[in-house]
Amino acid sequence: MFDLKGKALMKASTLLAAIGFLLFGYDQGVMSGVVANDMFKETMGFPSSALMGAIVALYEIGCMIGALATGRIGDLLGRRKTIRLGCVILCIGAILQTAAVDCPMMIVARIITGVGNGMNTATIPVYQAELSPPKNRGAHVAFEASLLTVGVGIAYWLEFGLYFVKSEVAWRFPLAFQMVFAIILGLASFVLPESPRWLQAHDYEDECKEVLARLWTDCDTTHPRCIAEWKEIKDGIDLERREGVSSYSELFKKGKMNNRYRVLLGMGGQIIQQFGGINVISYYLTDIFETAGFSQMMAMLLAGVDAIPYFIGAVTPIYTIDRVGRRFLMYAGLIGQAVTLFIVGGCQYLVQTTGNKAASSAEIAFVMIYNFVFGAAWLGLAWLYPSEIFSTGLRAKGNSMSTAANWLGNFVVAMIAPVLFEYATYWTFLLFGILNVIFLIPIYLWYPETNGKSLEEIEVLFATEEFQADARSIASHIGSTSIYDEKHDAESQRSRPTSRRFPSNYSGNHAIAPVDDKPAVDSAAANIKTGYDEKGPNYK
C-alpha cells in the first residue's frame, strides 16, 4: 500500500468515492442514448414502450438487490472489499450487456450490472462519511455526488459522438465503456485504508488508531487529536453493544436508539429524491427534447449541453452544504424543483397545443435549470443524510435499506415514465412538481439538522432521553472530536511544522482539556436538543 497520509490520504479517499459516483452517473445517463438508437431497437425486436421501460428499469431492481445485500456483506468483509466485489459483478454485467442479442439477455445483464452498482452506491457514502471530519463531511460527499453529473455528461457526449457511427458499435461501445470506471475504482480501493469505524467495531483497535493517525496526526497514534477521535468512536460502539444493536431486526424497532425513525428518514430522503422528478428527466432526456420539437441529433446534442448546468449545480454544495446546513438545502431544492417542473409542464402544453417555438425553447431552458437546482441540493443530500444518521453497528445495514429505497423509487419512476409520457403528456411534469411541494411537509416535521456534528454525536442526537443520559454518564468522549477541532483547527494546523509531527504532549496557548474529560456543557453531546426550536423535528 502507498504510504498516503494527511491531506493526500483524505483527497485520495474522496477521489475514490467520486470515481464510484462517476460510474453511477455514467450508468444513469448511458441508457438515454441507447434506447433512442434505431439499431438497438432492431436488435431488441422493436419493444413496446412498456418493455423498453422494463429494460431500463429492471436495472434498478438489480441495484436494490445489491444494496440490500451490502448490509450484511459490508459488515462482514469491510468497506473496501465490498467495493471490489461490486466492481467485479458490475464488469460481468457490462460484458453481458455489450454482447446482448435480444431482450431477455439484455434484461438479465442489466440486473447483474445493477447488483454491482447497488453494492457500490450503498457502500461508498458510508466509507466516505466514516473517514471525513465533522466540519466538512458534507462537502466531501457533495464532491463525490458532483462527479455523478460528470458521469452523466460523459455518457451523453460519448453517445452523441457515436450517433454518426452507423453500426451496432454506436450502442454496444457505451455499454462496454462503463467497465473502465469499474476497473479504476476497484484498483483504487487497494491504495486506501479500511474505515476506522469498521476496524474498531471488529476489535482492530491498533489498526483503527493507525488509520486515524494517518488521516490527522502525521502517523502519531499518541497525539491528542488521534486519541480524541478514537475514544469517541470506541465510546459510541460500546454504547451500541450495551444495547445489542447490530441485526437487521433492530432497524425496525424503536428501542432506545430510535432506529426505526432513522430508517424511515433515510429511506424517505431517497424516495423524495426519486419522486422529485430527476429520473423522468435523466433517463428520457433525449425523448423530452424530441417532444419539444427537435430532431434526434439535436436532442442528443442538447442532452450533452444539459450536463454542463447539471455539473455546475452539483459543485455548489461543496461550498454551501456545511455552511447553510442540510435542512436549508432540502427546502430550497424542493421549492426550486417544483417551480421549474411546473414551468416545463406549461411549456410542453403550449408546444403540443399551439406549436409555439418560444415555448419549446423555454422548455429546454427550464429542464436545464431544473437539473441545476437538483444538482445544487438533492443530488448529494439523499446520499449524505443516511450515511450520517445511523450508528456504526447499523450504518451499513441502514444505508443499504435507504439505498434500496432509492433504487426501488428509481425502478417505479423508470417503469411508469414511458407510459406517463404517452398518456399523461405534459401532466407528467405537473404531477412531479406537485409531489415536490408535498415533500416540504415531512422535511419540516421530521428531519433534524446534522451539520457540524461527529457521527457519534448524531448517533446520540436521535436516541431517547434514557440513552442520552447513558451517553452523558458512561460515554464521556462523545463530542470530543468536535471540541478539539473547534479549538485547534484554524490556528494549530496553519502553524504545524512541516518537517516533524506534533509531540504527543503538545501544549501551549491553545491547550485543551485532556481527552478523558467529559464534553463541554454546551456541546452537542451534553445538550443534545438545544439547537432546535420546539416546532422543529420530532425526536420521539
Protein backbone atom coordinates (compact mmCIF):
# COMPACT_ATOMS: atom_id res chain seq x y z
CA MET A 1 0.00 0.00 0.00
CA PHE A 2 1.20 3.53 -0.81
CA ASP A 3 2.05 5.45 2.36
CA LEU A 4 -0.58 8.15 1.92
CA LYS A 5 -1.31 10.33 4.92
CA GLY A 6 -2.82 13.63 5.91
CA LYS A 7 -4.39 15.71 3.18
CA ALA A 8 -3.14 13.38 0.46
CA LEU A 9 -4.96 10.44 2.06
CA MET A 10 -8.15 12.46 2.58
CA LYS A 11 -8.10 13.64 -1.04
CA ALA A 12 -7.44 10.10 -2.27
CA SER A 13 -10.38 8.69 -0.32
CA THR A 14 -12.63 11.47 -1.62
CA LEU A 15 -11.45 10.78 -5.16
CA LEU A 16 -12.21 7.07 -4.75
CA ALA A 17 -15.75 7.91 -3.70
CA ALA A 18 -16.03 10.37 -6.58
CA ILE A 19 -14.99 7.71 -9.13
CA GLY A 20 -17.69 5.44 -7.72
CA PHE A 21 -20.32 8.12 -8.26
CA LEU A 22 -18.91 8.97 -11.69
CA LEU A 23 -19.56 5.34 -12.60
CA PHE A 24 -23.02 5.62 -11.06
CA GLY A 25 -23.75 8.71 -13.14
CA TYR A 26 -22.47 7.12 -16.32
CA ASP A 27 -24.78 4.15 -15.78
CA GLN A 28 -27.70 6.54 -15.19
CA GLY A 29 -27.06 8.51 -18.37
CA VAL A 30 -25.97 5.82 -20.80
CA MET A 31 -29.42 4.36 -21.47
CA SER A 32 -30.80 7.72 -22.59
CA GLY A 33 -28.92 7.42 -25.88
CA VAL A 34 -29.07 3.63 -26.13
CA VAL A 35 -32.89 3.41 -26.05
CA ALA A 36 -33.09 6.09 -28.75
CA ASN A 37 -30.76 4.15 -31.10
CA ASP A 38 -32.60 2.53 -34.03
CA MET A 39 -30.14 -0.38 -34.27
CA PHE A 40 -30.62 -1.11 -30.56
CA LYS A 41 -34.39 -1.17 -31.07
CA GLU A 42 -33.97 -3.52 -34.03
CA THR A 43 -31.70 -5.89 -32.07
CA MET A 44 -34.22 -5.93 -29.20
CA GLY A 45 -37.08 -6.66 -31.60
CA PHE A 46 -38.67 -3.19 -31.53
CA PRO A 47 -40.01 -3.46 -27.96
CA SER A 48 -43.17 -1.70 -26.82
CA SER A 49 -42.92 1.31 -24.54
CA ALA A 50 -43.71 -0.92 -21.54
CA LEU A 51 -40.98 -3.45 -22.46
CA MET A 52 -38.50 -0.67 -23.15
CA GLY A 53 -39.33 0.69 -19.72
CA ALA A 54 -38.62 -2.76 -18.26
CA ILE A 55 -35.22 -2.93 -19.99
CA VAL A 56 -34.29 0.38 -18.41
CA ALA A 57 -35.97 -0.12 -15.04
CA LEU A 58 -35.08 -3.71 -14.13
CA TYR A 59 -31.53 -2.48 -13.73
CA GLU A 60 -32.85 -0.66 -10.65
CA ILE A 61 -34.13 -3.95 -9.21
CA GLY A 62 -30.61 -5.34 -9.52
CA CYS A 63 -29.31 -2.22 -7.78
CA MET A 64 -31.85 -2.71 -4.99
CA ILE A 65 -30.78 -6.35 -4.53
CA GLY A 66 -27.13 -5.32 -4.43
CA ALA A 67 -27.84 -2.55 -1.92
CA LEU A 68 -29.78 -4.86 0.40
CA ALA A 69 -27.04 -7.50 0.24
CA THR A 70 -24.47 -4.89 1.22
CA GLY A 71 -25.87 -4.53 4.73
CA ARG A 72 -24.56 -7.93 5.76
CA ILE A 73 -21.68 -8.22 3.27
CA GLY A 74 -20.33 -4.77 4.14
CA ASP A 75 -20.18 -5.57 7.85
CA LEU A 76 -18.58 -8.95 7.16
CA LEU A 77 -15.97 -8.02 4.53
CA GLY A 78 -15.37 -4.36 5.30
CA ARG A 79 -15.99 -1.34 3.11
CA ARG A 80 -13.06 -1.76 0.70
CA LYS A 81 -13.64 -5.43 -0.13
CA THR A 82 -17.33 -4.78 -0.67
CA ILE A 83 -16.48 -2.09 -3.23
CA ARG A 84 -14.14 -4.51 -5.04
CA LEU A 85 -16.82 -7.19 -5.13
CA GLY A 86 -19.31 -4.70 -6.52
CA CYS A 87 -16.88 -3.71 -9.28
CA VAL A 88 -16.32 -7.35 -10.32
CA ILE A 89 -20.06 -8.04 -10.53
CA LEU A 90 -20.61 -4.82 -12.47
CA CYS A 91 -17.95 -5.75 -15.02
CA ILE A 92 -19.57 -9.15 -15.58
CA GLY A 93 -22.91 -7.46 -16.21
CA ALA A 94 -21.33 -4.89 -18.55
CA ILE A 95 -19.79 -7.67 -20.66
CA LEU A 96 -23.17 -9.38 -20.95
CA GLN A 97 -24.90 -6.11 -21.87
CA THR A 98 -22.35 -5.45 -24.58
CA ALA A 99 -22.89 -8.94 -26.04
CA ALA A 100 -26.71 -8.91 -25.73
CA VAL A 101 -28.62 -10.23 -28.73
CA ASP A 102 -32.22 -9.95 -27.51
CA CYS A 103 -34.42 -8.50 -24.77
CA PRO A 104 -34.15 -11.38 -22.25
CA MET A 105 -30.34 -11.35 -22.38
CA MET A 106 -30.26 -7.57 -22.06
CA ILE A 107 -32.62 -7.62 -19.08
CA VAL A 108 -30.57 -10.30 -17.25
CA ALA A 109 -27.36 -8.38 -17.99
CA ARG A 110 -28.89 -5.14 -16.74
CA ILE A 111 -29.94 -6.79 -13.48
CA ILE A 112 -26.43 -8.23 -12.90
CA THR A 113 -24.86 -4.84 -13.59
CA GLY A 114 -27.33 -3.31 -11.19
CA VAL A 115 -26.32 -5.68 -8.37
CA GLY A 116 -22.72 -4.47 -8.64
CA ASN A 117 -23.68 -0.81 -8.82
CA GLY A 118 -26.11 -1.20 -5.92
CA MET A 119 -23.33 -2.59 -3.73
CA ASN A 120 -21.09 0.34 -4.61
CA THR A 121 -23.71 3.06 -4.10
CA ALA A 122 -24.65 1.63 -0.70
CA THR A 123 -21.03 1.33 0.47
CA ILE A 124 -19.20 4.37 -0.89
CA PRO A 125 -21.13 7.09 1.01
CA VAL A 126 -20.68 5.10 4.23
CA TYR A 127 -16.93 4.76 3.63
CA GLN A 128 -16.62 8.47 2.85
CA ALA A 129 -18.66 9.56 5.88
CA GLU A 130 -16.68 7.32 8.23
CA LEU A 131 -13.38 8.85 7.12
CA SER A 132 -14.44 12.52 6.94
CA PRO A 133 -14.19 15.06 9.79
CA PRO A 134 -17.45 16.59 11.07
CA LYS A 135 -16.77 20.11 9.82
CA ASN A 136 -16.63 19.22 6.12
CA ARG A 137 -18.15 15.75 5.84
CA GLY A 138 -20.95 17.28 3.77
CA ALA A 139 -18.51 18.88 1.33
CA HIS A 140 -16.75 15.57 0.75
CA VAL A 141 -19.96 13.71 -0.03
CA ALA A 142 -21.14 16.65 -2.16
CA PHE A 143 -17.93 16.45 -4.18
CA GLU A 144 -18.40 12.76 -4.90
CA ALA A 145 -22.02 13.43 -5.89
CA SER A 146 -20.88 16.17 -8.28
CA LEU A 147 -18.87 13.56 -10.18
CA LEU A 148 -22.16 11.75 -10.82
CA THR A 149 -23.04 14.60 -13.16
CA VAL A 150 -19.67 14.23 -14.89
CA GLY A 151 -20.53 10.57 -15.49
CA VAL A 152 -23.87 11.57 -16.95
CA GLY A 153 -22.15 14.12 -19.19
CA ILE A 154 -19.58 11.59 -20.41
CA ALA A 155 -22.39 9.22 -21.35
CA TYR A 156 -24.33 11.91 -23.21
CA TRP A 157 -21.36 13.26 -25.16
CA LEU A 158 -19.98 9.81 -25.97
CA GLU A 159 -23.34 8.75 -27.39
CA PHE A 160 -23.67 11.98 -29.34
CA GLY A 161 -20.31 11.29 -30.97
CA LEU A 162 -21.31 7.71 -31.73
CA TYR A 163 -24.62 8.88 -33.23
CA PHE A 164 -22.76 9.31 -36.50
CA VAL A 165 -21.47 5.70 -36.43
CA LYS A 166 -23.96 3.66 -38.41
CA SER A 167 -23.35 0.29 -36.77
CA GLU A 168 -24.08 -1.58 -33.57
CA VAL A 169 -20.90 -0.07 -32.10
CA ALA A 170 -22.98 3.06 -31.52
CA TRP A 171 -24.86 1.36 -28.65
CA ARG A 172 -22.59 -1.56 -27.68
CA PHE A 173 -19.46 0.52 -27.03
CA PRO A 174 -21.11 2.88 -24.47
CA LEU A 175 -22.34 -0.16 -22.52
CA ALA A 176 -18.84 -1.68 -22.53
CA PHE A 177 -17.18 1.60 -21.56
CA GLN A 178 -18.60 1.51 -18.03
CA MET A 179 -16.06 -1.22 -17.23
CA VAL A 180 -13.26 1.34 -17.46
CA PHE A 181 -14.57 3.22 -14.42
CA ALA A 182 -15.28 0.00 -12.51
CA ILE A 183 -11.71 -1.23 -13.03
CA ILE A 184 -10.25 2.11 -11.89
CA LEU A 185 -12.49 2.09 -8.80
CA GLY A 186 -11.58 -1.48 -7.88
CA LEU A 187 -7.84 -0.85 -8.22
CA ALA A 188 -8.04 2.41 -6.25
CA SER A 189 -9.51 0.57 -3.27
CA PHE A 190 -6.19 -1.24 -2.79
CA VAL A 191 -4.41 2.06 -2.15
CA LEU A 192 -6.68 3.28 0.65
CA PRO A 193 -7.14 2.11 4.26
CA GLU A 194 -10.18 0.44 5.73
CA SER A 195 -12.73 2.56 7.57
CA PRO A 196 -11.52 3.22 11.14
CA ARG A 197 -15.03 2.73 12.50
CA TRP A 198 -15.34 -0.69 10.85
CA LEU A 199 -11.93 -1.63 12.27
CA GLN A 200 -12.90 -0.58 15.79
CA ALA A 201 -16.25 -2.36 15.54
CA HIS A 202 -14.34 -5.57 14.72
CA ASP A 203 -11.84 -5.05 17.57
CA TYR A 204 -8.91 -3.99 15.39
CA GLU A 205 -8.01 -1.17 17.79
CA ASP A 206 -4.39 -0.71 16.76
CA GLU A 207 -5.32 -0.62 13.07
CA CYS A 208 -8.08 1.89 13.84
CA LYS A 209 -5.62 4.20 15.59
CA GLU A 210 -3.13 3.84 12.74
CA VAL A 211 -5.73 4.94 10.18
CA LEU A 212 -6.79 7.91 12.33
CA ALA A 213 -3.14 8.86 12.82
CA ARG A 214 -2.51 8.69 9.07
CA LEU A 215 -5.50 10.93 8.48
CA TRP A 216 -4.97 13.62 11.12
CA THR A 217 -1.68 13.46 13.08
CA ASP A 218 1.17 12.58 10.71
CA CYS A 219 1.10 8.91 11.83
CA ASP A 220 1.43 9.79 15.53
CA THR A 221 -1.01 7.45 17.31
CA THR A 222 -0.40 9.16 20.67
CA HIS A 223 -1.38 12.65 19.56
CA PRO A 224 -4.42 14.13 21.40
CA ARG A 225 -6.38 14.57 18.13
CA CYS A 226 -5.96 10.90 17.27
CA ILE A 227 -6.76 9.76 20.79
CA ALA A 228 -9.82 12.05 20.97
CA GLU A 229 -11.42 10.59 17.87
CA TRP A 230 -10.51 7.01 18.77
CA LYS A 231 -12.04 7.43 22.24
CA GLU A 232 -15.17 8.92 20.70
CA ILE A 233 -15.51 6.06 18.20
CA LYS A 234 -14.89 3.49 20.93
CA ASP A 235 -17.47 5.03 23.26
CA GLY A 236 -20.07 5.09 20.52
CA ILE A 237 -19.51 1.44 19.65
CA ASP A 238 -19.50 0.43 23.33
CA LEU A 239 -22.86 2.16 23.76
CA GLU A 240 -24.26 0.22 20.80
CA ARG A 241 -23.03 -3.05 22.24
CA ARG A 242 -24.74 -2.29 25.55
CA GLU A 243 -27.99 -2.01 23.63
CA GLY A 244 -27.23 -5.01 21.38
CA VAL A 245 -27.95 -3.14 18.14
CA SER A 246 -26.41 -4.94 15.19
CA SER A 247 -29.06 -7.04 13.45
CA TYR A 248 -31.48 -6.09 10.67
CA SER A 249 -34.40 -6.60 13.04
CA GLU A 250 -33.11 -3.73 15.18
CA LEU A 251 -33.64 -1.36 12.27
CA PHE A 252 -37.38 -1.76 12.57
CA LYS A 253 -37.61 -1.34 16.33
CA LYS A 254 -37.84 1.96 18.12
CA GLY A 255 -35.72 0.95 21.11
CA LYS A 256 -33.54 3.42 22.97
CA MET A 257 -31.76 4.46 19.77
CA ASN A 258 -34.88 5.19 17.71
CA ASN A 259 -33.59 3.04 14.85
CA ARG A 260 -36.96 2.80 13.13
CA TYR A 261 -37.12 6.59 12.98
CA ARG A 262 -33.65 6.70 11.39
CA VAL A 263 -34.58 4.08 8.78
CA LEU A 264 -37.73 5.96 7.83
CA LEU A 265 -35.75 9.20 7.48
CA GLY A 266 -33.04 7.56 5.36
CA MET A 267 -35.48 5.73 3.10
CA GLY A 268 -37.79 8.74 2.97
CA GLY A 269 -34.99 11.02 1.81
CA GLN A 270 -34.14 8.69 -1.05
CA ILE A 271 -37.80 8.36 -2.07
CA ILE A 272 -38.12 12.15 -2.02
CA GLN A 273 -35.11 12.39 -4.35
CA GLN A 274 -36.50 9.85 -6.80
CA PHE A 275 -40.06 11.18 -6.88
CA GLY A 276 -38.76 14.71 -7.22
CA GLY A 277 -38.63 14.03 -10.97
CA ILE A 278 -34.93 13.61 -11.67
CA ASN A 279 -35.13 10.24 -13.39
CA VAL A 280 -38.04 11.31 -15.54
CA ILE A 281 -35.54 13.86 -16.84
CA SER A 282 -32.26 11.89 -16.90
CA TYR A 283 -33.45 8.57 -18.35
CA TYR A 284 -35.65 10.08 -21.04
CA LEU A 285 -33.92 13.41 -21.65
CA THR A 286 -33.46 12.78 -25.37
CA ASP A 287 -37.14 11.87 -25.74
CA ILE A 288 -38.18 15.03 -23.84
CA PHE A 289 -36.18 17.21 -26.21
CA GLU A 290 -37.63 15.38 -29.23
CA THR A 291 -41.20 16.00 -27.98
CA ALA A 292 -40.23 19.66 -27.68
CA GLY A 293 -39.82 19.66 -31.45
CA PHE A 294 -36.11 18.89 -32.00
CA SER A 295 -34.56 16.25 -34.25
CA GLN A 296 -32.89 13.21 -32.70
CA MET A 297 -29.42 14.58 -33.43
CA MET A 298 -30.23 17.98 -31.92
CA ALA A 299 -31.91 16.30 -28.93
CA MET A 300 -28.76 14.29 -28.23
CA LEU A 301 -26.62 17.43 -28.58
CA LEU A 302 -28.85 19.30 -26.13
CA ALA A 303 -28.62 16.36 -23.71
CA GLY A 304 -24.86 16.81 -23.72
CA VAL A 305 -25.19 20.56 -23.19
CA ASP A 306 -27.59 19.90 -20.31
CA ALA A 307 -24.81 18.10 -18.43
CA ILE A 308 -22.99 21.44 -18.03
CA PRO A 309 -25.55 23.27 -15.81
CA TYR A 310 -26.16 19.96 -14.04
CA PHE A 311 -22.47 19.82 -13.12
CA ILE A 312 -22.30 23.49 -12.14
CA GLY A 313 -25.26 22.97 -9.81
CA ALA A 314 -23.72 19.81 -8.34
CA VAL A 315 -20.49 21.64 -7.48
CA THR A 316 -22.20 24.35 -5.42
CA PRO A 317 -22.97 22.14 -2.34
CA ILE A 318 -19.23 21.64 -1.86
CA TYR A 319 -19.22 25.27 -0.70
CA THR A 320 -22.74 25.56 0.74
CA ILE A 321 -23.77 22.33 2.46
CA ASP A 322 -21.51 22.77 5.50
CA ARG A 323 -22.26 26.49 5.69
CA VAL A 324 -26.05 26.72 5.34
CA GLY A 325 -26.81 23.20 6.60
CA ARG A 326 -28.80 20.25 5.32
CA ARG A 327 -32.32 21.48 6.04
CA PHE A 328 -31.99 24.78 4.17
CA LEU A 329 -30.85 22.99 1.02
CA MET A 330 -33.68 20.46 1.38
CA TYR A 331 -36.25 23.28 1.38
CA ALA A 332 -34.59 25.30 -1.38
CA GLY A 333 -34.17 22.26 -3.62
CA LEU A 334 -37.80 21.14 -3.37
CA ILE A 335 -39.15 24.63 -4.00
CA GLY A 336 -36.85 25.19 -6.98
CA GLN A 337 -37.66 21.79 -8.47
CA ALA A 338 -41.41 22.36 -8.11
CA VAL A 339 -41.29 25.76 -9.82
CA THR A 340 -39.18 24.55 -12.75
CA LEU A 341 -41.30 21.43 -13.32
CA PHE A 342 -44.50 23.49 -13.35
CA ILE A 343 -42.97 25.76 -16.00
CA VAL A 344 -41.70 22.78 -18.05
CA GLY A 345 -45.18 21.24 -17.97
CA GLY A 346 -46.79 24.51 -19.02
CA CYS A 347 -44.33 24.97 -21.88
CA GLN A 348 -44.92 21.43 -23.12
CA TYR A 349 -48.66 22.08 -23.08
CA LEU A 350 -48.15 25.12 -25.33
CA VAL A 351 -45.85 23.18 -27.66
CA GLN A 352 -48.38 20.36 -28.03
CA THR A 353 -51.43 22.57 -28.49
CA THR A 354 -50.05 25.53 -30.44
CA GLY A 355 -46.58 24.51 -31.66
CA ASN A 356 -45.21 27.65 -30.02
CA LYS A 357 -41.46 27.75 -30.74
CA ALA A 358 -40.76 30.17 -27.90
CA ALA A 359 -42.38 27.70 -25.51
CA SER A 360 -40.17 24.96 -26.95
CA SER A 361 -37.04 26.97 -26.20
CA ALA A 362 -38.33 27.83 -22.73
CA GLU A 363 -38.98 24.15 -22.03
CA ILE A 364 -35.36 23.30 -22.84
CA ALA A 365 -34.10 26.16 -20.68
CA PHE A 366 -36.15 25.17 -17.63
CA VAL A 367 -35.23 21.49 -17.95
CA MET A 368 -31.63 22.65 -17.64
CA ILE A 369 -32.49 24.95 -14.72
CA TYR A 370 -34.24 22.01 -13.03
CA ASN A 371 -31.07 19.94 -13.33
CA PHE A 372 -29.04 22.82 -11.89
CA VAL A 373 -31.37 23.07 -8.88
CA PHE A 374 -31.43 19.31 -8.33
CA GLY A 375 -27.64 19.15 -8.52
CA ALA A 376 -27.33 22.01 -6.03
CA ALA A 377 -29.48 20.28 -3.40
CA TRP A 378 -30.99 16.81 -3.51
CA LEU A 379 -28.37 15.10 -5.65
CA GLY A 380 -25.96 14.88 -2.72
CA LEU A 381 -28.36 15.29 0.21
CA ALA A 382 -30.13 11.99 -0.36
CA TRP A 383 -26.78 10.16 -0.13
CA LEU A 384 -25.22 12.23 2.65
CA TYR A 385 -28.04 12.20 5.18
CA PRO A 386 -28.49 8.39 5.51
CA SER A 387 -24.73 7.91 5.78
CA GLU A 388 -24.71 10.22 8.84
CA ILE A 389 -27.72 9.20 10.90
CA PHE A 390 -27.09 5.51 11.66
CA SER A 391 -24.89 4.10 14.42
CA THR A 392 -21.66 2.32 13.46
CA GLY A 393 -23.11 -1.16 14.05
CA LEU A 394 -26.11 -0.43 11.83
CA ARG A 395 -24.62 2.07 9.37
CA ALA A 396 -24.01 -0.44 6.57
CA LYS A 397 -27.38 -2.11 7.10
CA GLY A 398 -29.28 1.14 7.48
CA ASN A 399 -27.62 2.71 4.49
CA SER A 400 -28.34 -0.43 2.46
CA MET A 401 -32.04 -0.01 3.28
CA SER A 402 -32.07 3.66 2.29
CA THR A 403 -30.12 2.92 -0.90
CA ALA A 404 -32.54 0.08 -1.70
CA ALA A 405 -35.37 2.61 -1.32
CA ASN A 406 -33.57 4.84 -3.83
CA TRP A 407 -33.40 2.04 -6.35
CA LEU A 408 -36.99 0.97 -5.72
CA GLY A 409 -38.16 4.53 -6.36
CA ASN A 410 -35.84 4.64 -9.37
CA PHE A 411 -37.46 1.47 -10.71
CA VAL A 412 -41.01 2.74 -10.26
CA VAL A 413 -40.26 6.06 -11.95
CA ALA A 414 -38.36 4.43 -14.83
CA MET A 415 -41.22 1.96 -15.40
CA ILE A 416 -44.06 4.48 -15.34
CA ALA A 417 -42.30 7.32 -17.17
CA PRO A 418 -42.77 5.97 -20.75
CA VAL A 419 -46.44 5.32 -20.04
CA LEU A 420 -46.88 8.75 -18.45
CA PHE A 421 -45.23 10.46 -21.41
CA GLU A 422 -47.51 8.53 -23.77
CA TYR A 423 -50.83 9.14 -21.98
CA ALA A 424 -50.39 11.97 -19.45
CA THR A 425 -48.04 14.03 -21.66
CA TYR A 426 -47.41 17.46 -20.05
CA TRP A 427 -49.24 16.40 -16.87
CA THR A 428 -46.23 14.20 -16.11
CA PHE A 429 -44.17 17.24 -15.16
CA LEU A 430 -47.01 18.86 -13.25
CA LEU A 431 -47.51 15.67 -11.23
CA PHE A 432 -43.89 15.55 -10.12
CA GLY A 433 -43.96 19.29 -9.40
CA ILE A 434 -46.91 18.77 -7.03
CA LEU A 435 -45.01 15.96 -5.28
CA ASN A 436 -42.10 18.33 -4.61
CA VAL A 437 -44.48 20.71 -2.83
CA ILE A 438 -45.93 17.87 -0.73
CA PHE A 439 -42.42 16.72 0.29
CA LEU A 440 -41.83 20.03 2.10
CA ILE A 441 -44.10 18.79 4.91
CA PRO A 442 -42.03 15.79 6.12
CA ILE A 443 -38.82 17.83 5.84
CA TYR A 444 -40.27 20.45 8.18
CA LEU A 445 -41.68 17.94 10.66
CA TRP A 446 -39.10 15.19 10.97
CA TYR A 447 -35.64 15.93 9.52
CA PRO A 448 -33.20 17.39 12.10
CA GLU A 449 -30.02 19.26 11.21
CA THR A 450 -26.83 17.17 11.34
CA ASN A 451 -24.38 19.78 10.15
CA GLY A 452 -21.09 20.07 12.09
CA LYS A 453 -21.61 17.07 14.35
CA SER A 454 -19.48 13.94 14.56
CA LEU A 455 -21.13 10.64 13.64
CA GLU A 456 -21.14 9.68 17.30
CA GLU A 457 -22.88 12.93 18.29
CA ILE A 458 -25.52 12.31 15.62
CA GLU A 459 -25.91 8.77 16.94
CA VAL A 460 -26.92 10.22 20.32
CA LEU A 461 -28.98 13.02 18.74
CA PHE A 462 -31.69 10.62 17.54
CA ALA A 463 -31.77 8.50 20.70
CA THR A 464 -34.27 8.58 23.54
CA GLU A 465 -33.72 10.65 26.69
CA GLU A 466 -32.69 7.50 28.56
CA PHE A 467 -29.98 6.68 26.02
CA GLN A 468 -28.76 10.28 26.02
CA ALA A 469 -28.42 10.11 29.80
CA ASP A 470 -26.32 6.95 29.44
CA ALA A 471 -24.15 8.72 26.88
CA ARG A 472 -23.50 11.61 29.25
CA SER A 473 -22.56 9.31 32.10
CA ILE A 474 -20.55 6.48 30.51
CA ALA A 475 -19.55 7.74 27.04
CA SER A 476 -17.90 10.97 28.05
CA HIS A 477 -15.71 11.26 24.96
CA ILE A 478 -18.60 11.70 22.52
CA GLY A 479 -18.23 15.24 21.25
CA SER A 480 -14.50 15.47 21.98
CA THR A 481 -13.52 15.47 18.30
CA SER A 482 -15.76 18.44 17.57
CA ILE A 483 -14.43 20.25 20.65
CA TYR A 484 -10.83 19.61 19.60
CA ASP A 485 -11.42 20.76 16.02
CA GLU A 486 -13.27 23.89 17.11
CA LYS A 487 -10.40 24.96 19.37
CA HIS A 488 -7.42 23.91 17.29
CA ASP A 489 -8.15 23.51 13.62
CA ALA A 490 -7.60 27.02 12.31
CA GLU A 491 -4.55 28.09 14.32
CA SER A 492 -2.67 24.88 15.03
CA GLN A 493 -2.96 23.47 11.51
CA ARG A 494 -1.54 26.66 9.99
CA SER A 495 1.39 26.67 12.41
CA ARG A 496 2.10 22.96 12.16
CA PRO A 497 5.78 22.20 11.41
CA THR A 498 6.32 20.63 8.01
CA SER A 499 9.43 18.65 8.91
CA ARG A 500 8.25 16.98 12.11
CA ARG A 501 4.99 15.90 13.68
CA PHE A 502 3.39 17.37 16.78
CA PRO A 503 4.81 16.00 20.02
CA SER A 504 2.23 13.88 21.79
CA ASN A 505 2.25 16.13 24.85
CA TYR A 506 1.57 19.24 22.78
CA SER A 507 0.57 22.22 24.90
CA GLY A 508 0.67 25.99 24.75
CA ASN A 509 -1.62 28.95 24.28
CA HIS A 510 -4.29 26.75 22.78
CA ALA A 511 -4.04 23.88 25.21
CA ILE A 512 -7.17 21.78 25.56
CA ALA A 513 -8.64 19.72 28.31
CA PRO A 514 -7.46 16.11 28.48
CA VAL A 515 -9.48 13.86 26.21
CA ASP A 516 -10.68 11.85 29.19
CA ASP A 517 -12.79 14.82 30.35
CA LYS A 518 -16.48 14.95 29.54
CA PRO A 519 -17.67 17.20 26.71
CA ALA A 520 -18.19 20.86 27.42
CA VAL A 521 -21.60 21.61 28.92
CA ASP A 522 -22.69 23.42 25.77
CA SER A 523 -21.56 20.67 23.37
CA ALA A 524 -23.93 18.70 21.16
CA ALA A 525 -23.40 15.62 23.31
CA ALA A 526 -24.19 17.36 26.59
CA ASN A 527 -27.21 19.34 25.40
CA ILE A 528 -28.50 17.25 22.59
CA LYS A 529 -31.60 19.23 21.71
CA THR A 530 -30.54 22.82 22.21
CA GLY A 531 -30.02 23.52 18.51
CA TYR A 532 -33.69 23.12 17.51
CA ASP A 533 -36.83 25.03 18.30
CA GLU A 534 -39.99 23.39 19.52
CA LYS A 535 -41.57 23.44 16.05
CA GLY A 536 -38.70 21.51 14.54
CA PRO A 537 -38.11 17.79 14.06
CA ASN A 538 -39.84 15.22 16.20
CA TYR A 539 -37.25 13.36 18.28
CA LYS A 540 -39.62 10.88 19.86
